[in-house]
């Protein structure tokens, strides 16, 4: 068993825009950080590498601050699971929800247009 698996917990952390973070704080998530740009990138990577979290939720603005290689690394991670949340201003696409479901749940969502 890897040390990352052994020390990983069920804690949740959130990094992103104000509305996203405040929503999770209202739900009781204590490790919630309002951040953008390079500050968000540093916080996300610190949380990811800490081995203290089972789930890291990252807002869209924080996601955009990450390099393509870093995003790919985070998207392929299972422990901790990193989930990118679309901002409230953007329209979530069926494709992004489908990709999220495939990664998190392991199932493909098919939409039948009639």
PDB file of N, CA and C in Angstrom:
ATOM      1  N   UNK A   1       0.855  -1.180   0.000  1.00  0.00           N
ATOM      2  CA  UNK A   1       0.000   0.000   0.000  1.00  0.00           C
ATOM      3  C   UNK A   1       0.889   1.227   0.000  1.00  0.00           C
ATOM      4  N   UNK A   2       0.592   2.188  -0.842  1.00  0.00           N
ATOM      5  CA  UNK A   2       1.421   3.390  -0.911  1.00  0.00           C
ATOM      6  C   UNK A   2       1.198   4.264   0.309  1.00  0.00           C
ATOM      7  N   UNK A   3       2.190   5.105   0.599  1.00  0.00           N
ATOM      8  CA  UNK A   3       2.053   5.999   1.752  1.00  0.00           C
ATOM      9  C   UNK A   3       0.941   7.004   1.527  1.00  0.00           C
ATOM     10  N   UNK A   4       0.716   7.386   0.267  1.00  0.00           N
ATOM     11  CA  UNK A   4      -0.342   8.344  -0.032  1.00  0.00           C
ATOM     12  C   UNK A   4      -1.703   7.737   0.308  1.00  0.00           C
ATOM     13  N   UNK A   5      -1.901   6.471  -0.020  1.00  0.00           N
ATOM     14  CA  UNK A   5      -3.151   5.799   0.300  1.00  0.00           C
ATOM     15  C   UNK A   5      -3.295   5.640   1.807  1.00  0.00           C
ATOM     16  N   UNK A   6      -2.211   5.322   2.467  1.00  0.00           N
ATOM     17  CA  UNK A   6      -2.263   5.064   3.901  1.00  0.00           C
ATOM     18  C   UNK A   6      -2.587   6.317   4.699  1.00  0.00           C
ATOM     19  N   UNK A   7      -2.119   7.485   4.243  1.00  0.00           N
ATOM     20  CA  UNK A   7      -2.317   8.686   5.036  1.00  0.00           C
ATOM     21  C   UNK A   7      -3.496   9.529   4.554  1.00  0.00           C
ATOM     22  N   UNK A   8      -4.062   9.197   3.417  1.00  0.00           N
ATOM     23  CA  UNK A   8      -5.175   9.957   2.845  1.00  0.00           C
ATOM     24  C   UNK A   8      -6.405   9.832   3.738  1.00  0.00           C
ATOM     25  N   UNK A   9      -7.178  10.910   3.830  1.00  0.00           N
ATOM     26  CA  UNK A   9      -8.375  10.899   4.663  1.00  0.00           C
ATOM     27  C   UNK A   9      -9.594  11.260   3.838  1.00  0.00           C
ATOM     28  N   UNK A  10     -10.723  11.352   4.492  1.00  0.00           N
ATOM     29  CA  UNK A  10     -11.959  11.719   3.820  1.00  0.00           C
ATOM     30  C   UNK A  10     -12.241  13.206   3.871  1.00  0.00           C
ATOM     31  N   UNK A  11     -11.249  14.013   4.207  1.00  0.00           N
ATOM     32  CA  UNK A  11     -11.451  15.452   4.297  1.00  0.00           C
ATOM     33  C   UNK A  11     -11.658  16.070   2.919  1.00  0.00           C
ATOM     34  N   UNK A  12     -12.402  17.177   2.909  1.00  0.00           N
ATOM     35  CA  UNK A  12     -12.700  17.907   1.688  1.00  0.00           C
ATOM     36  C   UNK A  12     -12.084  19.293   1.784  1.00  0.00           C
ATOM     37  N   UNK A  13     -11.514  19.746   0.663  1.00  0.00           N
ATOM     38  CA  UNK A  13     -10.997  21.106   0.559  1.00  0.00           C
ATOM     39  C   UNK A  13     -11.571  21.732  -0.704  1.00  0.00           C
ATOM     40  N   UNK A  14     -11.741  23.053  -0.674  1.00  0.00           N
ATOM     41  CA  UNK A  14     -12.304  23.788  -1.812  1.00  0.00           C
ATOM     42  C   UNK A  14     -11.444  25.009  -2.076  1.00  0.00           C
ATOM     43  N   UNK A  15     -11.152  25.265  -3.362  1.00  0.00           N
ATOM     44  CA  UNK A  15     -10.392  26.440  -3.774  1.00  0.00           C
ATOM     45  C   UNK A  15     -11.113  27.053  -4.959  1.00  0.00           C
ATOM     46  N   UNK A  16     -11.355  28.356  -4.893  1.00  0.00           N
ATOM     47  CA  UNK A  16     -11.973  28.984  -6.046  1.00  0.00           C
ATOM     48  C   UNK A  16     -12.599  30.316  -5.753  1.00  0.00           C
ATOM     49  N   UNK A  17     -13.559  30.650  -6.600  1.00  0.00           N
ATOM     50  CA  UNK A  17     -14.215  31.940  -6.506  1.00  0.00           C
ATOM     51  C   UNK A  17     -15.108  32.017  -5.268  1.00  0.00           C
ATOM     52  N   UNK A  18     -15.391  33.231  -4.870  1.00  0.00           N
ATOM     53  CA  UNK A  18     -16.094  33.527  -3.623  1.00  0.00           C
ATOM     54  C   UNK A  18     -17.398  32.746  -3.462  1.00  0.00           C
ATOM     55  N   UNK A  19     -18.243  32.743  -4.486  1.00  0.00           N
ATOM     56  CA  UNK A  19     -19.548  32.090  -4.387  1.00  0.00           C
ATOM     57  C   UNK A  19     -19.415  30.592  -4.135  1.00  0.00           C
ATOM     58  N   UNK A  20     -18.486  29.954  -4.829  1.00  0.00           N
ATOM     59  CA  UNK A  20     -18.256  28.515  -4.657  1.00  0.00           C
ATOM     60  C   UNK A  20     -17.784  28.212  -3.243  1.00  0.00           C
ATOM     61  N   UNK A  21     -16.801  28.960  -2.793  1.00  0.00           N
ATOM     62  CA  UNK A  21     -16.210  28.730  -1.478  1.00  0.00           C
ATOM     63  C   UNK A  21     -17.227  28.976  -0.369  1.00  0.00           C
ATOM     64  N   UNK A  22     -17.977  30.056  -0.462  1.00  0.00           N
ATOM     65  CA  UNK A  22     -18.973  30.347   0.575  1.00  0.00           C
ATOM     66  C   UNK A  22     -20.047  29.264   0.641  1.00  0.00           C
ATOM     67  N   UNK A  23     -20.428  28.730  -0.501  1.00  0.00           N
ATOM     68  CA  UNK A  23     -21.407  27.641  -0.521  1.00  0.00           C
ATOM     69  C   UNK A  23     -20.911  26.422   0.228  1.00  0.00           C
ATOM     70  N   UNK A  24     -19.670  26.046   0.011  1.00  0.00           N
ATOM     71  CA  UNK A  24     -19.110  24.888   0.715  1.00  0.00           C
ATOM     72  C   UNK A  24     -18.897  25.186   2.194  1.00  0.00           C
ATOM     73  N   UNK A  25     -18.555  26.426   2.523  1.00  0.00           N
ATOM     74  CA  UNK A  25     -18.425  26.782   3.948  1.00  0.00           C
ATOM     75  C   UNK A  25     -19.764  26.646   4.659  1.00  0.00           C
ATOM     76  N   UNK A  26     -20.836  27.042   3.981  1.00  0.00           N
ATOM     77  CA  UNK A  26     -22.175  26.884   4.561  1.00  0.00           C
ATOM     78  C   UNK A  26     -22.524  25.422   4.787  1.00  0.00           C
ATOM     79  N   UNK A  27     -21.963  24.547   3.969  1.00  0.00           N
ATOM     80  CA  UNK A  27     -22.191  23.108   4.123  1.00  0.00           C
ATOM     81  C   UNK A  27     -21.290  22.483   5.185  1.00  0.00           C
ATOM     82  N   UNK A  28     -20.388  23.284   5.747  1.00  0.00           N
ATOM     83  CA  UNK A  28     -19.539  22.787   6.825  1.00  0.00           C
ATOM     84  C   UNK A  28     -18.112  22.453   6.432  1.00  0.00           C
ATOM     85  N   UNK A  29     -17.718  22.728   5.196  1.00  0.00           N
ATOM     86  CA  UNK A  29     -16.341  22.475   4.780  1.00  0.00           C
ATOM     87  C   UNK A  29     -15.461  23.584   5.342  1.00  0.00           C
ATOM     88  N   UNK A  30     -14.540  23.208   6.207  1.00  0.00           N
ATOM     89  CA  UNK A  30     -13.692  24.199   6.878  1.00  0.00           C
ATOM     90  C   UNK A  30     -12.512  24.640   6.017  1.00  0.00           C
ATOM     91  N   UNK A  31     -11.975  23.729   5.231  1.00  0.00           N
ATOM     92  CA  UNK A  31     -10.801  24.039   4.415  1.00  0.00           C
ATOM     93  C   UNK A  31     -11.251  24.544   3.050  1.00  0.00           C
ATOM     94  N   UNK A  32     -11.718  25.794   3.036  1.00  0.00           N
ATOM     95  CA  UNK A  32     -12.238  26.420   1.822  1.00  0.00           C
ATOM     96  C   UNK A  32     -11.530  27.753   1.627  1.00  0.00           C
ATOM     97  N   UNK A  33     -10.930  27.936   0.448  1.00  0.00           N
ATOM     98  CA  UNK A  33     -10.057  29.080   0.200  1.00  0.00           C
ATOM     99  C   UNK A  33     -10.528  29.880  -1.003  1.00  0.00           C
ATOM    100  N   UNK A  34     -10.776  31.166  -0.810  1.00  0.00           N
ATOM    101  CA  UNK A  34     -11.100  32.059  -1.914  1.00  0.00           C
ATOM    102  C   UNK A  34      -9.772  32.490  -2.520  1.00  0.00           C
ATOM    103  N   UNK A  35      -9.553  32.111  -3.779  1.00  0.00           N
ATOM    104  CA  UNK A  35      -8.281  32.420  -4.422  1.00  0.00           C
ATOM    105  C   UNK A  35      -8.425  32.355  -5.933  1.00  0.00           C
ATOM    106  N   UNK A  36      -7.523  33.062  -6.623  1.00  0.00           N
ATOM    107  CA  UNK A  36      -7.470  32.991  -8.075  1.00  0.00           C
ATOM    108  C   UNK A  36      -6.021  33.189  -8.503  1.00  0.00           C
ATOM    109  N   UNK A  37      -5.746  32.935  -9.763  1.00  0.00           N
ATOM    110  CA  UNK A  37      -4.422  33.135 -10.311  1.00  0.00           C
ATOM    111  C   UNK A  37      -3.359  32.268  -9.672  1.00  0.00           C
ATOM    112  N   UNK A  38      -2.172  32.826  -9.520  1.00  0.00           N
ATOM    113  CA  UNK A  38      -1.040  32.054  -9.000  1.00  0.00           C
ATOM    114  C   UNK A  38      -1.262  31.625  -7.550  1.00  0.00           C
ATOM    115  N   UNK A  39      -1.995  32.419  -6.792  1.00  0.00           N
ATOM    116  CA  UNK A  39      -2.311  32.035  -5.412  1.00  0.00           C
ATOM    117  C   UNK A  39      -3.152  30.763  -5.399  1.00  0.00           C
ATOM    118  N   UNK A  40      -4.137  30.686  -6.278  1.00  0.00           N
ATOM    119  CA  UNK A  40      -4.985  29.492  -6.371  1.00  0.00           C
ATOM    120  C   UNK A  40      -4.156  28.281  -6.782  1.00  0.00           C
ATOM    121  N   UNK A  41      -3.261  28.454  -7.734  1.00  0.00           N
ATOM    122  CA  UNK A  41      -2.422  27.352  -8.189  1.00  0.00           C
ATOM    123  C   UNK A  41      -1.589  26.805  -7.031  1.00  0.00           C
ATOM    124  N   UNK A  42      -0.988  27.702  -6.233  1.00  0.00           N
ATOM    125  CA  UNK A  42      -0.172  27.264  -5.102  1.00  0.00           C
ATOM    126  C   UNK A  42      -1.020  26.518  -4.075  1.00  0.00           C
ATOM    127  N   UNK A  43      -2.193  27.044  -3.756  1.00  0.00           N
ATOM    128  CA  UNK A  43      -3.052  26.403  -2.764  1.00  0.00           C
ATOM    129  C   UNK A  43      -3.499  25.030  -3.252  1.00  0.00           C
ATOM    130  N   UNK A  44      -3.925  24.942  -4.509  1.00  0.00           N
ATOM    131  CA  UNK A  44      -4.375  23.653  -5.061  1.00  0.00           C
ATOM    132  C   UNK A  44      -3.264  22.618  -4.970  1.00  0.00           C
ATOM    133  N   UNK A  45      -2.065  22.979  -5.370  1.00  0.00           N
ATOM    134  CA  UNK A  45      -0.963  22.015  -5.350  1.00  0.00           C
ATOM    135  C   UNK A  45      -0.556  21.656  -3.919  1.00  0.00           C
ATOM    136  N   UNK A  46      -0.609  22.616  -3.003  1.00  0.00           N
ATOM    137  CA  UNK A  46      -0.313  22.311  -1.601  1.00  0.00           C
ATOM    138  C   UNK A  46      -1.327  21.318  -1.042  1.00  0.00           C
ATOM    139  N   UNK A  47      -2.605  21.529  -1.341  1.00  0.00           N
ATOM    140  CA  UNK A  47      -3.645  20.609  -0.873  1.00  0.00           C
ATOM    141  C   UNK A  47      -3.475  19.232  -1.507  1.00  0.00           C
ATOM    142  N   UNK A  48      -3.221  19.220  -2.805  1.00  0.00           N
ATOM    143  CA  UNK A  48      -3.057  17.969  -3.547  1.00  0.00           C
ATOM    144  C   UNK A  48      -1.904  17.141  -2.988  1.00  0.00           C
ATOM    145  N   UNK A  49      -0.801  17.789  -2.694  1.00  0.00           N
ATOM    146  CA  UNK A  49       0.403  17.085  -2.230  1.00  0.00           C
ATOM    147  C   UNK A  49       0.436  16.825  -0.730  1.00  0.00           C
ATOM    148  N   UNK A  50      -0.528  17.334   0.022  1.00  0.00           N
ATOM    149  CA  UNK A  50      -0.487  17.226   1.482  1.00  0.00           C
ATOM    150  C   UNK A  50      -0.829  15.847   2.023  1.00  0.00           C
ATOM    151  N   UNK A  51      -1.499  15.019   1.233  1.00  0.00           N
ATOM    152  CA  UNK A  51      -1.972  13.697   1.689  1.00  0.00           C
ATOM    153  C   UNK A  51      -3.003  13.800   2.800  1.00  0.00           C
ATOM    154  N   UNK A  52      -3.654  14.950   2.943  1.00  0.00           N
ATOM    155  CA  UNK A  52      -4.643  15.142   3.998  1.00  0.00           C
ATOM    156  C   UNK A  52      -6.081  15.149   3.494  1.00  0.00           C
ATOM    157  N   UNK A  53      -6.283  15.047   2.179  1.00  0.00           N
ATOM    158  CA  UNK A  53      -7.620  15.225   1.621  1.00  0.00           C
ATOM    159  C   UNK A  53      -8.000  14.073   0.700  1.00  0.00           C
ATOM    160  N   UNK A  54      -9.271  13.711   0.752  1.00  0.00           N
ATOM    161  CA  UNK A  54      -9.810  12.709  -0.159  1.00  0.00           C
ATOM    162  C   UNK A  54     -10.437  13.357  -1.373  1.00  0.00           C
ATOM    163  N   UNK A  55     -10.882  14.615  -1.220  1.00  0.00           N
ATOM    164  CA  UNK A  55     -11.535  15.342  -2.303  1.00  0.00           C
ATOM    165  C   UNK A  55     -11.082  16.794  -2.281  1.00  0.00           C
ATOM    166  N   UNK A  56     -10.664  17.286  -3.444  1.00  0.00           N
ATOM    167  CA  UNK A  56     -10.313  18.700  -3.598  1.00  0.00           C
ATOM    168  C   UNK A  56     -11.203  19.246  -4.709  1.00  0.00           C
ATOM    169  N   UNK A  57     -12.045  20.217  -4.367  1.00  0.00           N
ATOM    170  CA  UNK A  57     -12.935  20.855  -5.329  1.00  0.00           C
ATOM    171  C   UNK A  57     -12.271  22.149  -5.773  1.00  0.00           C
ATOM    172  N   UNK A  58     -12.147  22.322  -7.101  1.00  0.00           N
ATOM    173  CA  UNK A  58     -11.462  23.485  -7.653  1.00  0.00           C
ATOM    174  C   UNK A  58     -12.423  24.231  -8.566  1.00  0.00           C
ATOM    175  N   UNK A  59     -12.580  25.523  -8.329  1.00  0.00           N
ATOM    176  CA  UNK A  59     -13.441  26.358  -9.151  1.00  0.00           C
ATOM    177  C   UNK A  59     -12.832  26.608 -10.523  1.00  0.00           C
ATOM    178  N   UNK A  60     -13.660  27.052 -11.448  1.00  0.00           N
ATOM    179  CA  UNK A  60     -13.231  27.243 -12.838  1.00  0.00           C
ATOM    180  C   UNK A  60     -12.130  28.285 -12.968  1.00  0.00           C
ATOM    181  N   UNK A  61     -12.217  29.389 -12.241  1.00  0.00           N
ATOM    182  CA  UNK A  61     -11.170  30.416 -12.333  1.00  0.00           C
ATOM    183  C   UNK A  61      -9.831  29.872 -11.839  1.00  0.00           C
ATOM    184  N   UNK A  62      -9.858  29.100 -10.762  1.00  0.00           N
ATOM    185  CA  UNK A  62      -8.627  28.488 -10.258  1.00  0.00           C
ATOM    186  C   UNK A  62      -8.111  27.453 -11.259  1.00  0.00           C
ATOM    187  N   UNK A  63      -9.009  26.721 -11.891  1.00  0.00           N
ATOM    188  CA  UNK A  63      -8.628  25.732 -12.900  1.00  0.00           C
ATOM    189  C   UNK A  63      -7.894  26.400 -14.052  1.00  0.00           C
ATOM    190  N   UNK A  64      -8.380  27.558 -14.476  1.00  0.00           N
ATOM    191  CA  UNK A  64      -7.778  28.259 -15.602  1.00  0.00           C
ATOM    192  C   UNK A  64      -6.366  28.759 -15.279  1.00  0.00           C
ATOM    193  N   UNK A  65      -6.041  28.914 -14.001  1.00  0.00           N
ATOM    194  CA  UNK A  65      -4.712  29.374 -13.598  1.00  0.00           C
ATOM    195  C   UNK A  65      -3.678  28.246 -13.656  1.00  0.00           C
ATOM    196  N   UNK A  66      -4.141  27.011 -13.760  1.00  0.00           N
ATOM    197  CA  UNK A  66      -3.242  25.866 -13.766  1.00  0.00           C
ATOM    198  C   UNK A  66      -2.703  25.615 -15.169  1.00  0.00           C
ATOM    199  N   UNK A  67      -1.478  25.144 -15.254  1.00  0.00           N
ATOM    200  CA  UNK A  67      -0.910  24.790 -16.558  1.00  0.00           C
ATOM    201  C   UNK A  67      -1.623  23.538 -17.083  1.00  0.00           C
ATOM    202  N   UNK A  68      -1.525  23.313 -18.371  1.00  0.00           N
ATOM    203  CA  UNK A  68      -2.173  22.149 -18.982  1.00  0.00           C
ATOM    204  C   UNK A  68      -1.652  20.851 -18.373  1.00  0.00           C
ATOM    205  N   UNK A  69      -0.360  20.773 -18.132  1.00  0.00           N
ATOM    206  CA  UNK A  69       0.224  19.570 -17.532  1.00  0.00           C
ATOM    207  C   UNK A  69      -0.279  19.326 -16.117  1.00  0.00           C
ATOM    208  N   UNK A  70      -0.405  20.402 -15.347  1.00  0.00           N
ATOM    209  CA  UNK A  70      -0.910  20.281 -13.979  1.00  0.00           C
ATOM    210  C   UNK A  70      -2.362  19.852 -13.985  1.00  0.00           C
ATOM    211  N   UNK A  71      -3.171  20.442 -14.878  1.00  0.00           N
ATOM    212  CA  UNK A  71      -4.583  20.038 -14.986  1.00  0.00           C
ATOM    213  C   UNK A  71      -4.693  18.562 -15.329  1.00  0.00           C
ATOM    214  N   UNK A  72      -3.875  18.104 -16.264  1.00  0.00           N
ATOM    215  CA  UNK A  72      -3.908  16.688 -16.659  1.00  0.00           C
ATOM    216  C   UNK A  72      -3.555  15.787 -15.478  1.00  0.00           C
ATOM    217  N   UNK A  73      -2.538  16.174 -14.714  1.00  0.00           N
ATOM    218  CA  UNK A  73      -2.137  15.399 -13.532  1.00  0.00           C
ATOM    219  C   UNK A  73      -3.277  15.334 -12.520  1.00  0.00           C
ATOM    220  N   UNK A  74      -3.917  16.485 -12.261  1.00  0.00           N
ATOM    221  CA  UNK A  74      -5.003  16.532 -11.286  1.00  0.00           C
ATOM    222  C   UNK A  74      -6.223  15.753 -11.775  1.00  0.00           C
ATOM    223  N   UNK A  75      -6.533  15.857 -13.072  1.00  0.00           N
ATOM    224  CA  UNK A  75      -7.694  15.161 -13.623  1.00  0.00           C
ATOM    225  C   UNK A  75      -7.532  13.645 -13.588  1.00  0.00           C
ATOM    226  N   UNK A  76      -6.299  13.174 -13.638  1.00  0.00           N
ATOM    227  CA  UNK A  76      -6.072  11.725 -13.632  1.00  0.00           C
ATOM    228  C   UNK A  76      -5.908  11.165 -12.223  1.00  0.00           C
ATOM    229  N   UNK A  77      -5.909  12.012 -11.229  1.00  0.00           N
ATOM    230  CA  UNK A  77      -5.727  11.576  -9.846  1.00  0.00           C
ATOM    231  C   UNK A  77      -7.003  10.960  -9.276  1.00  0.00           C
ATOM    232  N   UNK A  78      -6.822   9.935  -8.499  1.00  0.00           N
ATOM    233  CA  UNK A  78      -7.947   9.322  -7.786  1.00  0.00           C
ATOM    234  C   UNK A  78      -7.847   9.624  -6.301  1.00  0.00           C
ATOM    235  N   UNK A  79      -6.618   9.640  -5.764  1.00  0.00           N
ATOM    236  CA  UNK A  79      -6.397   9.972  -4.359  1.00  0.00           C
ATOM    237  C   UNK A  79      -5.387  11.094  -4.295  1.00  0.00           C
ATOM    238  N   UNK A  80      -5.780  12.306  -3.995  1.00  0.00           N
ATOM    239  CA  UNK A  80      -7.164  12.725  -3.794  1.00  0.00           C
ATOM    240  C   UNK A  80      -7.882  12.887  -5.133  1.00  0.00           C
ATOM    241  N   UNK A  81      -9.169  12.780  -5.094  1.00  0.00           N
ATOM    242  CA  UNK A  81      -9.982  13.053  -6.264  1.00  0.00           C
ATOM    243  C   UNK A  81     -10.101  14.564  -6.389  1.00  0.00           C
ATOM    244  N   UNK A  82      -9.771  15.092  -7.572  1.00  0.00           N
ATOM    245  CA  UNK A  82      -9.861  16.531  -7.816  1.00  0.00           C
ATOM    246  C   UNK A  82     -11.003  16.754  -8.792  1.00  0.00           C
ATOM    247  N   UNK A  83     -11.975  17.556  -8.373  1.00  0.00           N
ATOM    248  CA  UNK A  83     -13.151  17.829  -9.194  1.00  0.00           C
ATOM    249  C   UNK A  83     -13.157  19.309  -9.537  1.00  0.00           C
ATOM    250  N   UNK A  84     -13.255  19.603 -10.837  1.00  0.00           N
ATOM    251  CA  UNK A  84     -13.327  20.987 -11.298  1.00  0.00           C
ATOM    252  C   UNK A  84     -14.790  21.366 -11.454  1.00  0.00           C
ATOM    253  N   UNK A  85     -15.193  22.440 -10.761  1.00  0.00           N
ATOM    254  CA  UNK A  85     -16.571  22.905 -10.795  1.00  0.00           C
ATOM    255  C   UNK A  85     -16.696  24.087 -11.741  1.00  0.00           C
ATOM    256  N   UNK A  86     -17.686  24.049 -12.640  1.00  0.00           N
ATOM    257  CA  UNK A  86     -17.889  25.218 -13.506  1.00  0.00           C
ATOM    258  C   UNK A  86     -18.359  26.404 -12.664  1.00  0.00           C
ATOM    259  N   UNK A  87     -18.013  27.610 -13.105  1.00  0.00           N
ATOM    260  CA  UNK A  87     -18.440  28.795 -12.377  1.00  0.00           C
ATOM    261  C   UNK A  87     -19.935  29.005 -12.566  1.00  0.00           C
ATOM    262  N   UNK A  88     -20.521  29.780 -11.705  1.00  0.00           N
ATOM    263  CA  UNK A  88     -21.954  30.047 -11.785  1.00  0.00           C
ATOM    264  C   UNK A  88     -22.296  30.838 -13.042  1.00  0.00           C
ATOM    265  N   UNK A  89     -21.341  31.589 -13.571  1.00  0.00           N
ATOM    266  CA  UNK A  89     -21.570  32.413 -14.748  1.00  0.00           C
ATOM    267  C   UNK A  89     -21.517  31.622 -16.040  1.00  0.00           C
ATOM    268  N   UNK A  90     -20.813  30.478 -16.045  1.00  0.00           N
ATOM    269  CA  UNK A  90     -20.651  29.717 -17.281  1.00  0.00           C
ATOM    270  C   UNK A  90     -21.752  28.682 -17.421  1.00  0.00           C
ATOM    271  N   UNK A  91     -21.932  28.237 -18.647  1.00  0.00           N
ATOM    272  CA  UNK A  91     -22.891  27.183 -18.917  1.00  0.00           C
ATOM    273  C   UNK A  91     -22.142  25.855 -18.919  1.00  0.00           C
ATOM    274  N   UNK A  92     -22.545  24.936 -18.031  1.00  0.00           N
ATOM    275  CA  UNK A  92     -21.929  23.616 -18.016  1.00  0.00           C
ATOM    276  C   UNK A  92     -22.395  22.871 -19.259  1.00  0.00           C
ATOM    277  N   UNK A  93     -21.471  22.250 -19.938  1.00  0.00           N
ATOM    278  CA  UNK A  93     -21.846  21.522 -21.139  1.00  0.00           C
ATOM    279  C   UNK A  93     -22.108  20.068 -20.816  1.00  0.00           C
ATOM    280  N   UNK A  94     -22.865  19.423 -21.678  1.00  0.00           N
ATOM    281  CA  UNK A  94     -23.132  18.005 -21.485  1.00  0.00           C
ATOM    282  C   UNK A  94     -21.835  17.219 -21.502  1.00  0.00           C
ATOM    283  N   UNK A  95     -20.897  17.631 -22.347  1.00  0.00           N
ATOM    284  CA  UNK A  95     -19.638  16.921 -22.446  1.00  0.00           C
ATOM    285  C   UNK A  95     -18.866  16.990 -21.132  1.00  0.00           C
ATOM    286  N   UNK A  96     -18.787  18.168 -20.501  1.00  0.00           N
ATOM    287  CA  UNK A  96     -18.025  18.271 -19.264  1.00  0.00           C
ATOM    288  C   UNK A  96     -18.691  17.470 -18.145  1.00  0.00           C
ATOM    289  N   UNK A  97     -19.994  17.474 -18.077  1.00  0.00           N
ATOM    290  CA  UNK A  97     -20.695  16.674 -17.073  1.00  0.00           C
ATOM    291  C   UNK A  97     -20.503  15.188 -17.346  1.00  0.00           C
ATOM    292  N   UNK A  98     -20.500  14.821 -18.625  1.00  0.00           N
ATOM    293  CA  UNK A  98     -20.291  13.431 -19.000  1.00  0.00           C
ATOM    294  C   UNK A  98     -18.878  12.975 -18.611  1.00  0.00           C
ATOM    295  N   UNK A  99     -17.888  13.816 -18.884  1.00  0.00           N
ATOM    296  CA  UNK A  99     -16.512  13.478 -18.521  1.00  0.00           C
ATOM    297  C   UNK A  99     -16.353  13.365 -17.010  1.00  0.00           C
ATOM    298  N   UNK A 100     -16.987  14.263 -16.278  1.00  0.00           N
ATOM    299  CA  UNK A 100     -16.936  14.215 -14.825  1.00  0.00           C
ATOM    300  C   UNK A 100     -17.569  12.934 -14.304  1.00  0.00           C
ATOM    301  N   UNK A 101     -18.722  12.563 -14.832  1.00  0.00           N
ATOM    302  CA  UNK A 101     -19.390  11.334 -14.406  1.00  0.00           C
ATOM    303  C   UNK A 101     -18.536  10.112 -14.720  1.00  0.00           C
ATOM    304  N   UNK A 102     -17.899  10.112 -15.882  1.00  0.00           N
ATOM    305  CA  UNK A 102     -17.059   8.972 -16.245  1.00  0.00           C
ATOM    306  C   UNK A 102     -15.881   8.853 -15.289  1.00  0.00           C
ATOM    307  N   UNK A 103     -15.279   9.977 -14.932  1.00  0.00           N
ATOM    308  CA  UNK A 103     -14.111   9.939 -14.055  1.00  0.00           C
ATOM    309  C   UNK A 103     -14.481   9.608 -12.621  1.00  0.00           C
ATOM    310  N   UNK A 104     -15.553  10.212 -12.120  1.00  0.00           N
ATOM    311  CA  UNK A 104     -15.921  10.032 -10.716  1.00  0.00           C
ATOM    312  C   UNK A 104     -16.673   8.734 -10.491  1.00  0.00           C
ATOM    313  N   UNK A 105     -17.649   8.460 -11.360  1.00  0.00           N
ATOM    314  CA  UNK A 105     -18.511   7.299 -11.169  1.00  0.00           C
ATOM    315  C   UNK A 105     -18.095   6.082 -11.977  1.00  0.00           C
ATOM    316  N   UNK A 106     -17.300   6.315 -13.011  1.00  0.00           N
ATOM    317  CA  UNK A 106     -16.888   5.211 -13.860  1.00  0.00           C
ATOM    318  C   UNK A 106     -17.948   4.782 -14.852  1.00  0.00           C
ATOM    319  N   UNK A 107     -18.901   5.662 -15.150  1.00  0.00           N
ATOM    320  CA  UNK A 107     -19.957   5.341 -16.108  1.00  0.00           C
ATOM    321  C   UNK A 107     -20.023   6.421 -17.172  1.00  0.00           C
ATOM    322  N   UNK A 108     -20.470   6.013 -18.368  1.00  0.00           N
ATOM    323  CA  UNK A 108     -20.673   6.958 -19.448  1.00  0.00           C
ATOM    324  C   UNK A 108     -22.125   7.387 -19.475  1.00  0.00           C
ATOM    325  N   UNK A 109     -22.336   8.693 -19.533  1.00  0.00           N
ATOM    326  CA  UNK A 109     -23.697   9.231 -19.673  1.00  0.00           C
ATOM    327  C   UNK A 109     -23.949   9.501 -21.136  1.00  0.00           C
ATOM    328  N   UNK A 110     -25.008   8.947 -21.664  1.00  0.00           N
ATOM    329  CA  UNK A 110     -25.381   9.175 -23.063  1.00  0.00           C
ATOM    330  C   UNK A 110     -26.666   9.968 -23.065  1.00  0.00           C
ATOM    331  N   UNK A 111     -26.682  11.049 -23.843  1.00  0.00           N
ATOM    332  CA  UNK A 111     -27.874  11.866 -23.962  1.00  0.00           C
ATOM    333  C   UNK A 111     -28.518  11.557 -25.300  1.00  0.00           C
ATOM    334  N   UNK A 112     -29.787  11.128 -25.272  1.00  0.00           N
ATOM    335  CA  UNK A 112     -30.513  10.837 -26.502  1.00  0.00           C
ATOM    336  C   UNK A 112     -31.322  12.047 -26.908  1.00  0.00           C
ATOM    337  N   UNK A 113     -30.929  12.668 -27.989  1.00  0.00           N
ATOM    338  CA  UNK A 113     -31.682  13.822 -28.503  1.00  0.00           C
ATOM    339  C   UNK A 113     -32.841  13.309 -29.338  1.00  0.00           C
ATOM    340  N   UNK A 114     -34.014  13.840 -29.066  1.00  0.00           N
ATOM    341  CA  UNK A 114     -35.204  13.406 -29.824  1.00  0.00           C
ATOM    342  C   UNK A 114     -35.713  14.529 -30.669  1.00  0.00           C
TER     343      UNK A 114
END
